[in-house]
Amino acid sequence: MAYESGSLDATLAAAAGEDIVLLAELRNALVESAERQLDLMRRARCDGNWRVAAMRLKGLAASFHAEELLNISEAALEAVPGEPGVLREVEQEIARLAGRPLIPAHG
């Protein structure tokens, strides 16, 4: 399935117009929804639960035109449940979208 490309900021601006409160609410809704899917991915113990959470994350990312989150969710669909690298990437991207400090990768 192909998704129309576009930037998250442009999508949010188009939806909220000049209303900065609405803009913040939309971004917050994206972050909260993504965090719920990340939590489900962390708790997934089978392929089915992992795939459902990754597909929901992908759909969320596509609907907001959050391209990096979309790319990461596609990688999650190819990964095994609980893949630490994918979970870390999702967590990092959510932190970036939320404007929180990024968590250093453990190496």
C-alpha atoms as a PDB file:
ATOM      1  CA  MET A   1       0.000   0.000   0.000  1.00  0.00           C
ATOM      2  CA  ALA A   2       1.391   3.398  -0.932  1.00  0.00           C
ATOM      3  CA  TYR A   3       1.050   6.445   1.248  1.00  0.00           C
ATOM      4  CA  GLU A   4       1.140  10.039   0.066  1.00  0.00           C
ATOM      5  CA  SER A   5       4.309  11.622   1.297  1.00  0.00           C
ATOM      6  CA  GLY A   6       4.273  14.843   3.247  1.00  0.00           C
ATOM      7  CA  SER A   7       5.723  16.266   6.375  1.00  0.00           C
ATOM      8  CA  LEU A   8       4.213  15.935   9.801  1.00  0.00           C
ATOM      9  CA  ASP A   9       4.515  19.649  10.476  1.00  0.00           C
ATOM     10  CA  ALA A  10       2.761  20.553   7.225  1.00  0.00           C
ATOM     11  CA  THR A  11      -0.014  18.069   7.971  1.00  0.00           C
ATOM     12  CA  LEU A  12      -0.521  19.419  11.482  1.00  0.00           C
ATOM     13  CA  ALA A  13      -0.423  23.013  10.244  1.00  0.00           C
ATOM     14  CA  ALA A  14      -2.991  22.242   7.556  1.00  0.00           C
ATOM     15  CA  ALA A  15      -5.302  20.684  10.148  1.00  0.00           C
ATOM     16  CA  ALA A  16      -4.847  23.302  12.863  1.00  0.00           C
ATOM     17  CA  GLY A  17      -4.374  26.447  10.825  1.00  0.00           C
ATOM     18  CA  GLU A  18      -3.388  29.323  13.109  1.00  0.00           C
ATOM     19  CA  ASP A  19      -4.723  27.605  16.241  1.00  0.00           C
ATOM     20  CA  ILE A  20      -1.597  26.782  18.256  1.00  0.00           C
ATOM     21  CA  VAL A  21      -3.609  25.062  20.981  1.00  0.00           C
ATOM     22  CA  LEU A  22      -5.130  22.685  18.433  1.00  0.00           C
ATOM     23  CA  LEU A  23      -1.706  22.136  16.892  1.00  0.00           C
ATOM     24  CA  ALA A  24      -0.327  21.094  20.289  1.00  0.00           C
ATOM     25  CA  GLU A  25      -3.328  18.848  20.930  1.00  0.00           C
ATOM     26  CA  LEU A  26      -2.886  17.082  17.589  1.00  0.00           C
ATOM     27  CA  ARG A  27       0.823  16.503  18.205  1.00  0.00           C
ATOM     28  CA  ASN A  28       0.027  15.261  21.711  1.00  0.00           C
ATOM     29  CA  ALA A  29      -2.598  12.866  20.315  1.00  0.00           C
ATOM     30  CA  LEU A  30      -0.012  11.439  17.913  1.00  0.00           C
ATOM     31  CA  VAL A  31       2.558  10.999  20.678  1.00  0.00           C
ATOM     32  CA  GLU A  32       0.090   9.410  23.122  1.00  0.00           C
ATOM     33  CA  SER A  33      -1.223   7.004  20.489  1.00  0.00           C
ATOM     34  CA  ALA A  34       2.303   6.053  19.438  1.00  0.00           C
ATOM     35  CA  GLU A  35       3.259   5.474  23.082  1.00  0.00           C
ATOM     36  CA  ARG A  36       0.288   3.101  23.492  1.00  0.00           C
ATOM     37  CA  GLN A  37       1.438   1.086  20.480  1.00  0.00           C
ATOM     38  CA  LEU A  38       5.010   1.044  21.768  1.00  0.00           C
ATOM     39  CA  ASP A  39       3.740  -0.307  25.088  1.00  0.00           C
ATOM     40  CA  LEU A  40       1.825  -3.042  23.258  1.00  0.00           C
ATOM     41  CA  MET A  41       4.913  -3.884  21.221  1.00  0.00           C
ATOM     42  CA  ARG A  42       7.001  -4.165  24.391  1.00  0.00           C
ATOM     43  CA  ARG A  43       4.459  -6.535  25.917  1.00  0.00           C
ATOM     44  CA  ALA A  44       3.942  -8.624  22.751  1.00  0.00           C
ATOM     45  CA  ARG A  45       4.871 -12.254  23.263  1.00  0.00           C
ATOM     46  CA  CYS A  46       3.785 -13.550  19.887  1.00  0.00           C
ATOM     47  CA  ASP A  47       4.053 -12.552  16.250  1.00  0.00           C
ATOM     48  CA  GLY A  48       0.351 -11.700  16.043  1.00  0.00           C
ATOM     49  CA  ASN A  49       0.324  -9.164  18.873  1.00  0.00           C
ATOM     50  CA  TRP A  50       3.576  -7.603  17.661  1.00  0.00           C
ATOM     51  CA  ARG A  51       2.227  -7.271  14.108  1.00  0.00           C
ATOM     52  CA  VAL A  52      -1.065  -5.736  15.244  1.00  0.00           C
ATOM     53  CA  ALA A  53       0.738  -3.070  17.293  1.00  0.00           C
ATOM     54  CA  ALA A  54       3.240  -2.413  14.484  1.00  0.00           C
ATOM     55  CA  MET A  55       0.420  -2.111  11.921  1.00  0.00           C
ATOM     56  CA  ARG A  56      -1.469   0.297  14.172  1.00  0.00           C
ATOM     57  CA  LEU A  57       1.700   2.334  14.600  1.00  0.00           C
ATOM     58  CA  LYS A  58       2.189   2.332  10.831  1.00  0.00           C
ATOM     59  CA  GLY A  59      -1.382   3.488  10.230  1.00  0.00           C
ATOM     60  CA  LEU A  60      -1.016   6.221  12.828  1.00  0.00           C
ATOM     61  CA  ALA A  61       2.244   7.399  11.275  1.00  0.00           C
ATOM     62  CA  ALA A  62       0.728   7.371   7.799  1.00  0.00           C
ATOM     63  CA  SER A  63      -2.343   9.335   8.869  1.00  0.00           C
ATOM     64  CA  PHE A  64      -0.134  12.085  10.344  1.00  0.00           C
ATOM     65  CA  HIS A  65       2.484  11.890   7.570  1.00  0.00           C
ATOM     66  CA  ALA A  66       5.143  11.142  10.199  1.00  0.00           C
ATOM     67  CA  GLU A  67       7.556   9.644   7.683  1.00  0.00           C
ATOM     68  CA  GLU A  68      10.327   8.528  10.044  1.00  0.00           C
ATOM     69  CA  LEU A  69       7.827   6.820  12.350  1.00  0.00           C
ATOM     70  CA  LEU A  70       6.291   5.182   9.282  1.00  0.00           C
ATOM     71  CA  ASN A  71       9.695   3.856   8.197  1.00  0.00           C
ATOM     72  CA  ILE A  72      10.423   2.519  11.672  1.00  0.00           C
ATOM     73  CA  SER A  73       7.018   0.832  11.896  1.00  0.00           C
ATOM     74  CA  GLU A  74       7.672  -0.873   8.558  1.00  0.00           C
ATOM     75  CA  ALA A  75      10.976  -2.149   9.960  1.00  0.00           C
ATOM     76  CA  ALA A  76       9.073  -3.411  13.012  1.00  0.00           C
ATOM     77  CA  LEU A  77       6.809  -5.453  10.761  1.00  0.00           C
ATOM     78  CA  GLU A  78       9.894  -7.268   9.471  1.00  0.00           C
ATOM     79  CA  ALA A  79      11.400  -7.781  12.937  1.00  0.00           C
ATOM     80  CA  VAL A  80      10.781 -10.455  15.525  1.00  0.00           C
ATOM     81  CA  PRO A  81       8.627  -9.604  18.557  1.00  0.00           C
ATOM     82  CA  GLY A  82      10.576  -7.684  21.170  1.00  0.00           C
ATOM     83  CA  GLU A  83      13.444  -6.738  18.840  1.00  0.00           C
ATOM     84  CA  PRO A  84      15.386  -4.306  21.084  1.00  0.00           C
ATOM     85  CA  GLY A  85      16.774  -2.203  18.238  1.00  0.00           C
ATOM     86  CA  VAL A  86      13.329  -1.576  16.776  1.00  0.00           C
ATOM     87  CA  LEU A  87      11.823  -0.787  20.165  1.00  0.00           C
ATOM     88  CA  ARG A  88      14.650   1.676  20.826  1.00  0.00           C
ATOM     89  CA  GLU A  89      14.115   3.352  17.427  1.00  0.00           C
ATOM     90  CA  VAL A  90      10.369   3.698  18.062  1.00  0.00           C
ATOM     91  CA  GLU A  91      11.043   5.119  21.519  1.00  0.00           C
ATOM     92  CA  GLN A  92      13.613   7.581  20.133  1.00  0.00           C
ATOM     93  CA  GLU A  93      11.284   8.782  17.394  1.00  0.00           C
ATOM     94  CA  ILE A  94       8.395   9.256  19.829  1.00  0.00           C
ATOM     95  CA  ALA A  95      10.708  11.284  22.087  1.00  0.00           C
ATOM     96  CA  ARG A  96      11.732  13.410  19.092  1.00  0.00           C
ATOM     97  CA  LEU A  97       8.105  13.976  18.083  1.00  0.00           C
ATOM     98  CA  ALA A  98       7.252  14.947  21.651  1.00  0.00           C
ATOM     99  CA  GLY A  99      10.187  17.347  21.837  1.00  0.00           C
ATOM    100  CA  ARG A 100      11.768  15.375  24.678  1.00  0.00           C
ATOM    101  CA  PRO A 101      15.513  14.839  25.017  1.00  0.00           C
ATOM    102  CA  LEU A 102      16.644  11.792  23.066  1.00  0.00           C
ATOM    103  CA  ILE A 103      17.790   8.771  24.999  1.00  0.00           C
ATOM    104  CA  PRO A 104      21.398   7.842  24.206  1.00  0.00           C
ATOM    105  CA  ALA A 105      21.794   4.452  22.533  1.00  0.00           C
ATOM    106  CA  HIS A 106      23.548   1.866  24.645  1.00  0.00           C
ATOM    107  CA  GLY A 107      26.512   0.428  22.895  1.00  0.00           C
END
